Amino acid sequence: MSCPYINSNHPRCSESLNMNNLDEAFEICSEHFELCPLYIKIKGAQLEAVGAHAMENAHRSQLTVRLA
């Protein structure tokens, strides 16, 4: 299994994927992507966004129930 962000061509990964550090990038992106600082940062931001969206929806649901 390889990093889902590299497979989706995530722009933050472009700095790491170059000819100067190809061996390191290949090892991290294809085998140990869970340890990659960029993976952790992107995944954390996505989880925060999902959590914020869920909280917003829960708040809207509470308002709808109170208004009904």
PDB file of N, CA and C in Angstrom:
ATOM      1  N   MET A   1       0.847  -1.178   0.000  1.00  0.00           N
ATOM      2  CA  MET A   1       0.000   0.000   0.000  1.00  0.00           C
ATOM      3  C   MET A   1       0.889   1.236   0.000  1.00  0.00           C
ATOM      4  N   SER A   2       0.483   2.238  -0.743  1.00  0.00           N
ATOM      5  CA  SER A   2       1.256   3.472  -0.792  1.00  0.00           C
ATOM      6  C   SER A   2       0.406   4.637  -0.291  1.00  0.00           C
ATOM      7  N   CYS A   3       1.046   5.753  -0.113  1.00  0.00           N
ATOM      8  CA  CYS A   3       0.395   6.936   0.437  1.00  0.00           C
ATOM      9  C   CYS A   3      -0.781   7.382  -0.431  1.00  0.00           C
ATOM     10  N   PRO A   4      -1.931   7.599   0.161  1.00  0.00           N
ATOM     11  CA  PRO A   4      -3.089   8.036  -0.625  1.00  0.00           C
ATOM     12  C   PRO A   4      -2.919   9.455  -1.179  1.00  0.00           C
ATOM     13  N   TYR A   5      -2.101  10.257  -0.539  1.00  0.00           N
ATOM     14  CA  TYR A   5      -1.922  11.636  -1.002  1.00  0.00           C
ATOM     15  C   TYR A   5      -1.008  11.705  -2.213  1.00  0.00           C
ATOM     16  N   ILE A   6      -0.038  10.835  -2.259  1.00  0.00           N
ATOM     17  CA  ILE A   6       0.828  10.821  -3.435  1.00  0.00           C
ATOM     18  C   ILE A   6       0.070  10.267  -4.634  1.00  0.00           C
ATOM     19  N   ASN A   7      -0.805   9.328  -4.397  1.00  0.00           N
ATOM     20  CA  ASN A   7      -1.607   8.780  -5.485  1.00  0.00           C
ATOM     21  C   ASN A   7      -2.604   9.797  -6.021  1.00  0.00           C
ATOM     22  N   SER A   8      -3.016  10.736  -5.179  1.00  0.00           N
ATOM     23  CA  SER A   8      -3.950  11.773  -5.632  1.00  0.00           C
ATOM     24  C   SER A   8      -3.212  13.030  -6.081  1.00  0.00           C
ATOM     25  N   ASN A   9      -1.882  12.955  -6.147  1.00  0.00           N
ATOM     26  CA  ASN A   9      -1.052  14.053  -6.628  1.00  0.00           C
ATOM     27  C   ASN A   9      -1.211  15.301  -5.750  1.00  0.00           C
ATOM     28  N   HIS A  10      -1.189  15.111  -4.448  1.00  0.00           N
ATOM     29  CA  HIS A  10      -1.359  16.212  -3.505  1.00  0.00           C
ATOM     30  C   HIS A  10      -0.220  17.217  -3.666  1.00  0.00           C
ATOM     31  N   PRO A  11      -0.532  18.514  -3.754  1.00  0.00           N
ATOM     32  CA  PRO A  11       0.506  19.516  -4.017  1.00  0.00           C
ATOM     33  C   PRO A  11       1.584  19.613  -2.935  1.00  0.00           C
ATOM     34  N   ARG A  12       1.267  19.319  -1.692  1.00  0.00           N
ATOM     35  CA  ARG A  12       2.270  19.397  -0.627  1.00  0.00           C
ATOM     36  C   ARG A  12       3.373  18.363  -0.798  1.00  0.00           C
ATOM     37  N   CYS A  13       3.088  17.297  -1.496  1.00  0.00           N
ATOM     38  CA  CYS A  13       4.068  16.223  -1.673  1.00  0.00           C
ATOM     39  C   CYS A  13       5.106  16.551  -2.744  1.00  0.00           C
ATOM     40  N   SER A  14       4.840  17.531  -3.574  1.00  0.00           N
ATOM     41  CA  SER A  14       5.730  17.793  -4.704  1.00  0.00           C
ATOM     42  C   SER A  14       7.140  18.186  -4.270  1.00  0.00           C
ATOM     43  N   GLU A  15       7.286  18.851  -3.112  1.00  0.00           N
ATOM     44  CA  GLU A  15       8.617  19.224  -2.639  1.00  0.00           C
ATOM     45  C   GLU A  15       9.459  17.992  -2.303  1.00  0.00           C
ATOM     46  N   SER A  16       8.836  16.966  -1.775  1.00  0.00           N
ATOM     47  CA  SER A  16       9.556  15.754  -1.395  1.00  0.00           C
ATOM     48  C   SER A  16       9.846  14.851  -2.578  1.00  0.00           C
ATOM     49  N   LEU A  17       9.037  14.938  -3.583  1.00  0.00           N
ATOM     50  CA  LEU A  17       9.194  14.056  -4.746  1.00  0.00           C
ATOM     51  C   LEU A  17       9.995  14.753  -5.830  1.00  0.00           C
ATOM     52  N   ASN A  18      11.286  14.586  -5.751  1.00  0.00           N
ATOM     53  CA  ASN A  18      12.156  15.119  -6.790  1.00  0.00           C
ATOM     54  C   ASN A  18      13.320  14.161  -6.982  1.00  0.00           C
ATOM     55  N   MET A  19      14.087  14.425  -7.982  1.00  0.00           N
ATOM     56  CA  MET A  19      15.192  13.522  -8.327  1.00  0.00           C
ATOM     57  C   MET A  19      16.298  13.511  -7.269  1.00  0.00           C
ATOM     58  N   ASN A  20      16.400  14.560  -6.466  1.00  0.00           N
ATOM     59  CA  ASN A  20      17.460  14.634  -5.455  1.00  0.00           C
ATOM     60  C   ASN A  20      17.252  13.661  -4.302  1.00  0.00           C
ATOM     61  N   ASN A  21      16.032  13.357  -3.976  1.00  0.00           N
ATOM     62  CA  ASN A  21      15.786  12.433  -2.863  1.00  0.00           C
ATOM     63  C   ASN A  21      14.785  11.350  -3.260  1.00  0.00           C
ATOM     64  N   LEU A  22      14.924  10.861  -4.432  1.00  0.00           N
ATOM     65  CA  LEU A  22      14.006   9.862  -4.976  1.00  0.00           C
ATOM     66  C   LEU A  22      13.968   8.576  -4.153  1.00  0.00           C
ATOM     67  N   ASP A  23      15.132   8.081  -3.722  1.00  0.00           N
ATOM     68  CA  ASP A  23      15.177   6.840  -2.944  1.00  0.00           C
ATOM     69  C   ASP A  23      14.417   6.986  -1.629  1.00  0.00           C
ATOM     70  N   GLU A  24      14.677   8.079  -0.919  1.00  0.00           N
ATOM     71  CA  GLU A  24      13.998   8.323   0.357  1.00  0.00           C
ATOM     72  C   GLU A  24      12.499   8.507   0.150  1.00  0.00           C
ATOM     73  N   ALA A  25      12.140   9.283  -0.856  1.00  0.00           N
ATOM     74  CA  ALA A  25      10.721   9.515  -1.137  1.00  0.00           C
ATOM     75  C   ALA A  25      10.015   8.207  -1.487  1.00  0.00           C
ATOM     76  N   PHE A  26      10.651   7.389  -2.300  1.00  0.00           N
ATOM     77  CA  PHE A  26      10.042   6.119  -2.683  1.00  0.00           C
ATOM     78  C   PHE A  26       9.815   5.234  -1.466  1.00  0.00           C
ATOM     79  N   GLU A  27      10.821   5.153  -0.589  1.00  0.00           N
ATOM     80  CA  GLU A  27      10.697   4.310   0.597  1.00  0.00           C
ATOM     81  C   GLU A  27       9.584   4.814   1.514  1.00  0.00           C
ATOM     82  N   ILE A  28       9.548   6.097   1.754  1.00  0.00           N
ATOM     83  CA  ILE A  28       8.540   6.652   2.657  1.00  0.00           C
ATOM     84  C   ILE A  28       7.156   6.593   2.026  1.00  0.00           C
ATOM     85  N   CYS A  29       7.035   7.051   0.796  1.00  0.00           N
ATOM     86  CA  CYS A  29       5.721   7.151   0.152  1.00  0.00           C
ATOM     87  C   CYS A  29       5.096   5.795  -0.165  1.00  0.00           C
ATOM     88  N   SER A  30       5.926   4.800  -0.370  1.00  0.00           N
ATOM     89  CA  SER A  30       5.363   3.511  -0.750  1.00  0.00           C
ATOM     90  C   SER A  30       5.315   2.514   0.398  1.00  0.00           C
ATOM     91  N   GLU A  31       6.163   2.686   1.406  1.00  0.00           N
ATOM     92  CA  GLU A  31       6.208   1.666   2.450  1.00  0.00           C
ATOM     93  C   GLU A  31       5.895   2.183   3.857  1.00  0.00           C
ATOM     94  N   HIS A  32       6.327   3.383   4.166  1.00  0.00           N
ATOM     95  CA  HIS A  32       6.189   3.892   5.537  1.00  0.00           C
ATOM     96  C   HIS A  32       5.500   5.250   5.575  1.00  0.00           C
ATOM     97  N   PHE A  33       4.476   5.419   4.748  1.00  0.00           N
ATOM     98  CA  PHE A  33       3.863   6.734   4.627  1.00  0.00           C
ATOM     99  C   PHE A  33       3.193   7.209   5.913  1.00  0.00           C
ATOM    100  N   GLU A  34       2.800   6.277   6.795  1.00  0.00           N
ATOM    101  CA  GLU A  34       2.166   6.671   8.054  1.00  0.00           C
ATOM    102  C   GLU A  34       3.128   7.450   8.951  1.00  0.00           C
ATOM    103  N   LEU A  35       4.428   7.353   8.687  1.00  0.00           N
ATOM    104  CA  LEU A  35       5.444   8.055   9.473  1.00  0.00           C
ATOM    105  C   LEU A  35       5.846   9.389   8.849  1.00  0.00           C
ATOM    106  N   CYS A  36       5.389   9.669   7.671  1.00  0.00           N
ATOM    107  CA  CYS A  36       5.746  10.884   6.953  1.00  0.00           C
ATOM    108  C   CYS A  36       5.114  12.101   7.643  1.00  0.00           C
ATOM    109  N   PRO A  37       5.907  13.123   7.947  1.00  0.00           N
ATOM    110  CA  PRO A  37       5.369  14.329   8.582  1.00  0.00           C
ATOM    111  C   PRO A  37       4.269  15.007   7.751  1.00  0.00           C
ATOM    112  N   LEU A  38       4.412  14.980   6.429  1.00  0.00           N
ATOM    113  CA  LEU A  38       3.369  15.575   5.583  1.00  0.00           C
ATOM    114  C   LEU A  38       2.080  14.771   5.649  1.00  0.00           C
ATOM    115  N   TYR A  39       2.197  13.451   5.625  1.00  0.00           N
ATOM    116  CA  TYR A  39       1.012  12.597   5.731  1.00  0.00           C
ATOM    117  C   TYR A  39       0.278  12.888   7.037  1.00  0.00           C
ATOM    118  N   ILE A  40       1.016  12.956   8.121  1.00  0.00           N
ATOM    119  CA  ILE A  40       0.419  13.206   9.440  1.00  0.00           C
ATOM    120  C   ILE A  40      -0.268  14.569   9.460  1.00  0.00           C
ATOM    121  N   LYS A  41       0.374  15.565   8.888  1.00  0.00           N
ATOM    122  CA  LYS A  41      -0.177  16.922   8.872  1.00  0.00           C
ATOM    123  C   LYS A  41      -1.447  16.998   8.017  1.00  0.00           C
ATOM    124  N   ILE A  42      -1.399  16.422   6.825  1.00  0.00           N
ATOM    125  CA  ILE A  42      -2.556  16.449   5.926  1.00  0.00           C
ATOM    126  C   ILE A  42      -3.712  15.658   6.524  1.00  0.00           C
ATOM    127  N   LYS A  43      -3.414  14.485   7.051  1.00  0.00           N
ATOM    128  CA  LYS A  43      -4.448  13.639   7.654  1.00  0.00           C
ATOM    129  C   LYS A  43      -5.086  14.346   8.844  1.00  0.00           C
ATOM    130  N   GLY A  44      -4.267  14.988   9.678  1.00  0.00           N
ATOM    131  CA  GLY A  44      -4.782  15.730  10.822  1.00  0.00           C
ATOM    132  C   GLY A  44      -5.690  16.869  10.400  1.00  0.00           C
ATOM    133  N   ALA A  45      -5.301  17.587   9.364  1.00  0.00           N
ATOM    134  CA  ALA A  45      -6.127  18.692   8.860  1.00  0.00           C
ATOM    135  C   ALA A  45      -7.456  18.173   8.321  1.00  0.00           C
ATOM    136  N   GLN A  46      -7.417  17.029   7.649  1.00  0.00           N
ATOM    137  CA  GLN A  46      -8.656  16.445   7.136  1.00  0.00           C
ATOM    138  C   GLN A  46      -9.574  16.012   8.281  1.00  0.00           C
ATOM    139  N   LEU A  47      -8.997  15.407   9.302  1.00  0.00           N
ATOM    140  CA  LEU A  47      -9.804  14.975  10.445  1.00  0.00           C
ATOM    141  C   LEU A  47     -10.404  16.168  11.182  1.00  0.00           C
ATOM    142  N   GLU A  48      -9.639  17.252  11.308  1.00  0.00           N
ATOM    143  CA  GLU A  48     -10.165  18.462  11.929  1.00  0.00           C
ATOM    144  C   GLU A  48     -11.335  19.024  11.118  1.00  0.00           C
ATOM    145  N   ALA A  49     -11.177  19.038   9.804  1.00  0.00           N
ATOM    146  CA  ALA A  49     -12.232  19.556   8.938  1.00  0.00           C
ATOM    147  C   ALA A  49     -13.496  18.704   9.045  1.00  0.00           C
ATOM    148  N   VAL A  50     -13.328  17.399   9.086  1.00  0.00           N
ATOM    149  CA  VAL A  50     -14.476  16.498   9.217  1.00  0.00           C
ATOM    150  C   VAL A  50     -15.146  16.717  10.573  1.00  0.00           C
ATOM    151  N   GLY A  51     -14.338  16.855  11.627  1.00  0.00           N
ATOM    152  CA  GLY A  51     -14.886  17.090  12.960  1.00  0.00           C
ATOM    153  C   GLY A  51     -15.627  18.411  13.043  1.00  0.00           C
ATOM    154  N   ALA A  52     -15.074  19.456  12.440  1.00  0.00           N
ATOM    155  CA  ALA A  52     -15.735  20.761  12.445  1.00  0.00           C
ATOM    156  C   ALA A  52     -17.045  20.698  11.676  1.00  0.00           C
ATOM    157  N   HIS A  53     -17.044  19.989  10.564  1.00  0.00           N
ATOM    158  CA  HIS A  53     -18.268  19.839   9.775  1.00  0.00           C
ATOM    159  C   HIS A  53     -19.327  19.064  10.563  1.00  0.00           C
ATOM    160  N   ALA A  54     -18.907  18.021  11.249  1.00  0.00           N
ATOM    161  CA  ALA A  54     -19.846  17.227  12.051  1.00  0.00           C
ATOM    162  C   ALA A  54     -20.423  18.060  13.184  1.00  0.00           C
ATOM    163  N   MET A  55     -19.584  18.884  13.822  1.00  0.00           N
ATOM    164  CA  MET A  55     -20.065  19.748  14.913  1.00  0.00           C
ATOM    165  C   MET A  55     -21.058  20.770  14.380  1.00  0.00           C
ATOM    166  N   GLU A  56     -20.782  21.325  13.211  1.00  0.00           N
ATOM    167  CA  GLU A  56     -21.689  22.301  12.605  1.00  0.00           C
ATOM    168  C   GLU A  56     -23.033  21.659  12.293  1.00  0.00           C
ATOM    169  N   ASN A  57     -23.007  20.453  11.738  1.00  0.00           N
ATOM    170  CA  ASN A  57     -24.252  19.745  11.431  1.00  0.00           C
ATOM    171  C   ASN A  57     -25.018  19.401  12.698  1.00  0.00           C
ATOM    172  N   ALA A  58     -24.313  19.007  13.753  1.00  0.00           N
ATOM    173  CA  ALA A  58     -24.977  18.686  15.017  1.00  0.00           C
ATOM    174  C   ALA A  58     -25.626  19.939  15.591  1.00  0.00           C
ATOM    175  N   HIS A  59     -24.938  21.058  15.511  1.00  0.00           N
ATOM    176  CA  HIS A  59     -25.479  22.319  16.010  1.00  0.00           C
ATOM    177  C   HIS A  59     -26.721  22.716  15.216  1.00  0.00           C
ATOM    178  N   ARG A  60     -26.689  22.561  13.901  1.00  0.00           N
ATOM    179  CA  ARG A  60     -27.853  22.874  13.062  1.00  0.00           C
ATOM    180  C   ARG A  60     -29.027  21.967  13.409  1.00  0.00           C
ATOM    181  N   SER A  61     -28.739  20.691  13.674  1.00  0.00           N
ATOM    182  CA  SER A  61     -29.802  19.755  14.033  1.00  0.00           C
ATOM    183  C   SER A  61     -30.457  20.160  15.343  1.00  0.00           C
ATOM    184  N   GLN A  62     -29.647  20.594  16.298  1.00  0.00           N
ATOM    185  CA  GLN A  62     -30.190  21.039  17.585  1.00  0.00           C
ATOM    186  C   GLN A  62     -31.054  22.273  17.406  1.00  0.00           C
ATOM    187  N   LEU A  63     -30.633  23.201  16.556  1.00  0.00           N
ATOM    188  CA  LEU A  63     -31.414  24.402  16.318  1.00  0.00           C
ATOM    189  C   LEU A  63     -32.731  24.060  15.651  1.00  0.00           C
ATOM    190  N   THR A  64     -32.704  23.121  14.711  1.00  0.00           N
ATOM    191  CA  THR A  64     -33.920  22.719  14.021  1.00  0.00           C
ATOM    192  C   THR A  64     -34.901  22.077  15.002  1.00  0.00           C
ATOM    193  N   VAL A  65     -34.400  21.255  15.896  1.00  0.00           N
ATOM    194  CA  VAL A  65     -35.258  20.597  16.877  1.00  0.00           C
ATOM    195  C   VAL A  65     -35.872  21.640  17.812  1.00  0.00           C
ATOM    196  N   ARG A  66     -35.098  22.609  18.245  1.00  0.00           N
ATOM    197  CA  ARG A  66     -35.595  23.648  19.160  1.00  0.00           C
ATOM    198  C   ARG A  66     -36.645  24.525  18.486  1.00  0.00           C
ATOM    199  N   LEU A  67     -36.486  24.785  17.191  1.00  0.00           N
ATOM    200  CA  LEU A  67     -37.415  25.644  16.481  1.00  0.00           C
ATOM    201  C   LEU A  67     -38.712  24.921  16.132  1.00  0.00           C
ATOM    202  N   ALA A  68     -38.676  23.635  16.100  1.00  0.00           N
ATOM    203  CA  ALA A  68     -39.859  22.858  15.697  1.00  0.00           C
ATOM    204  C   ALA A  68     -40.912  22.820  16.772  1.00  0.00           C
TER     205      ALA A  68
END
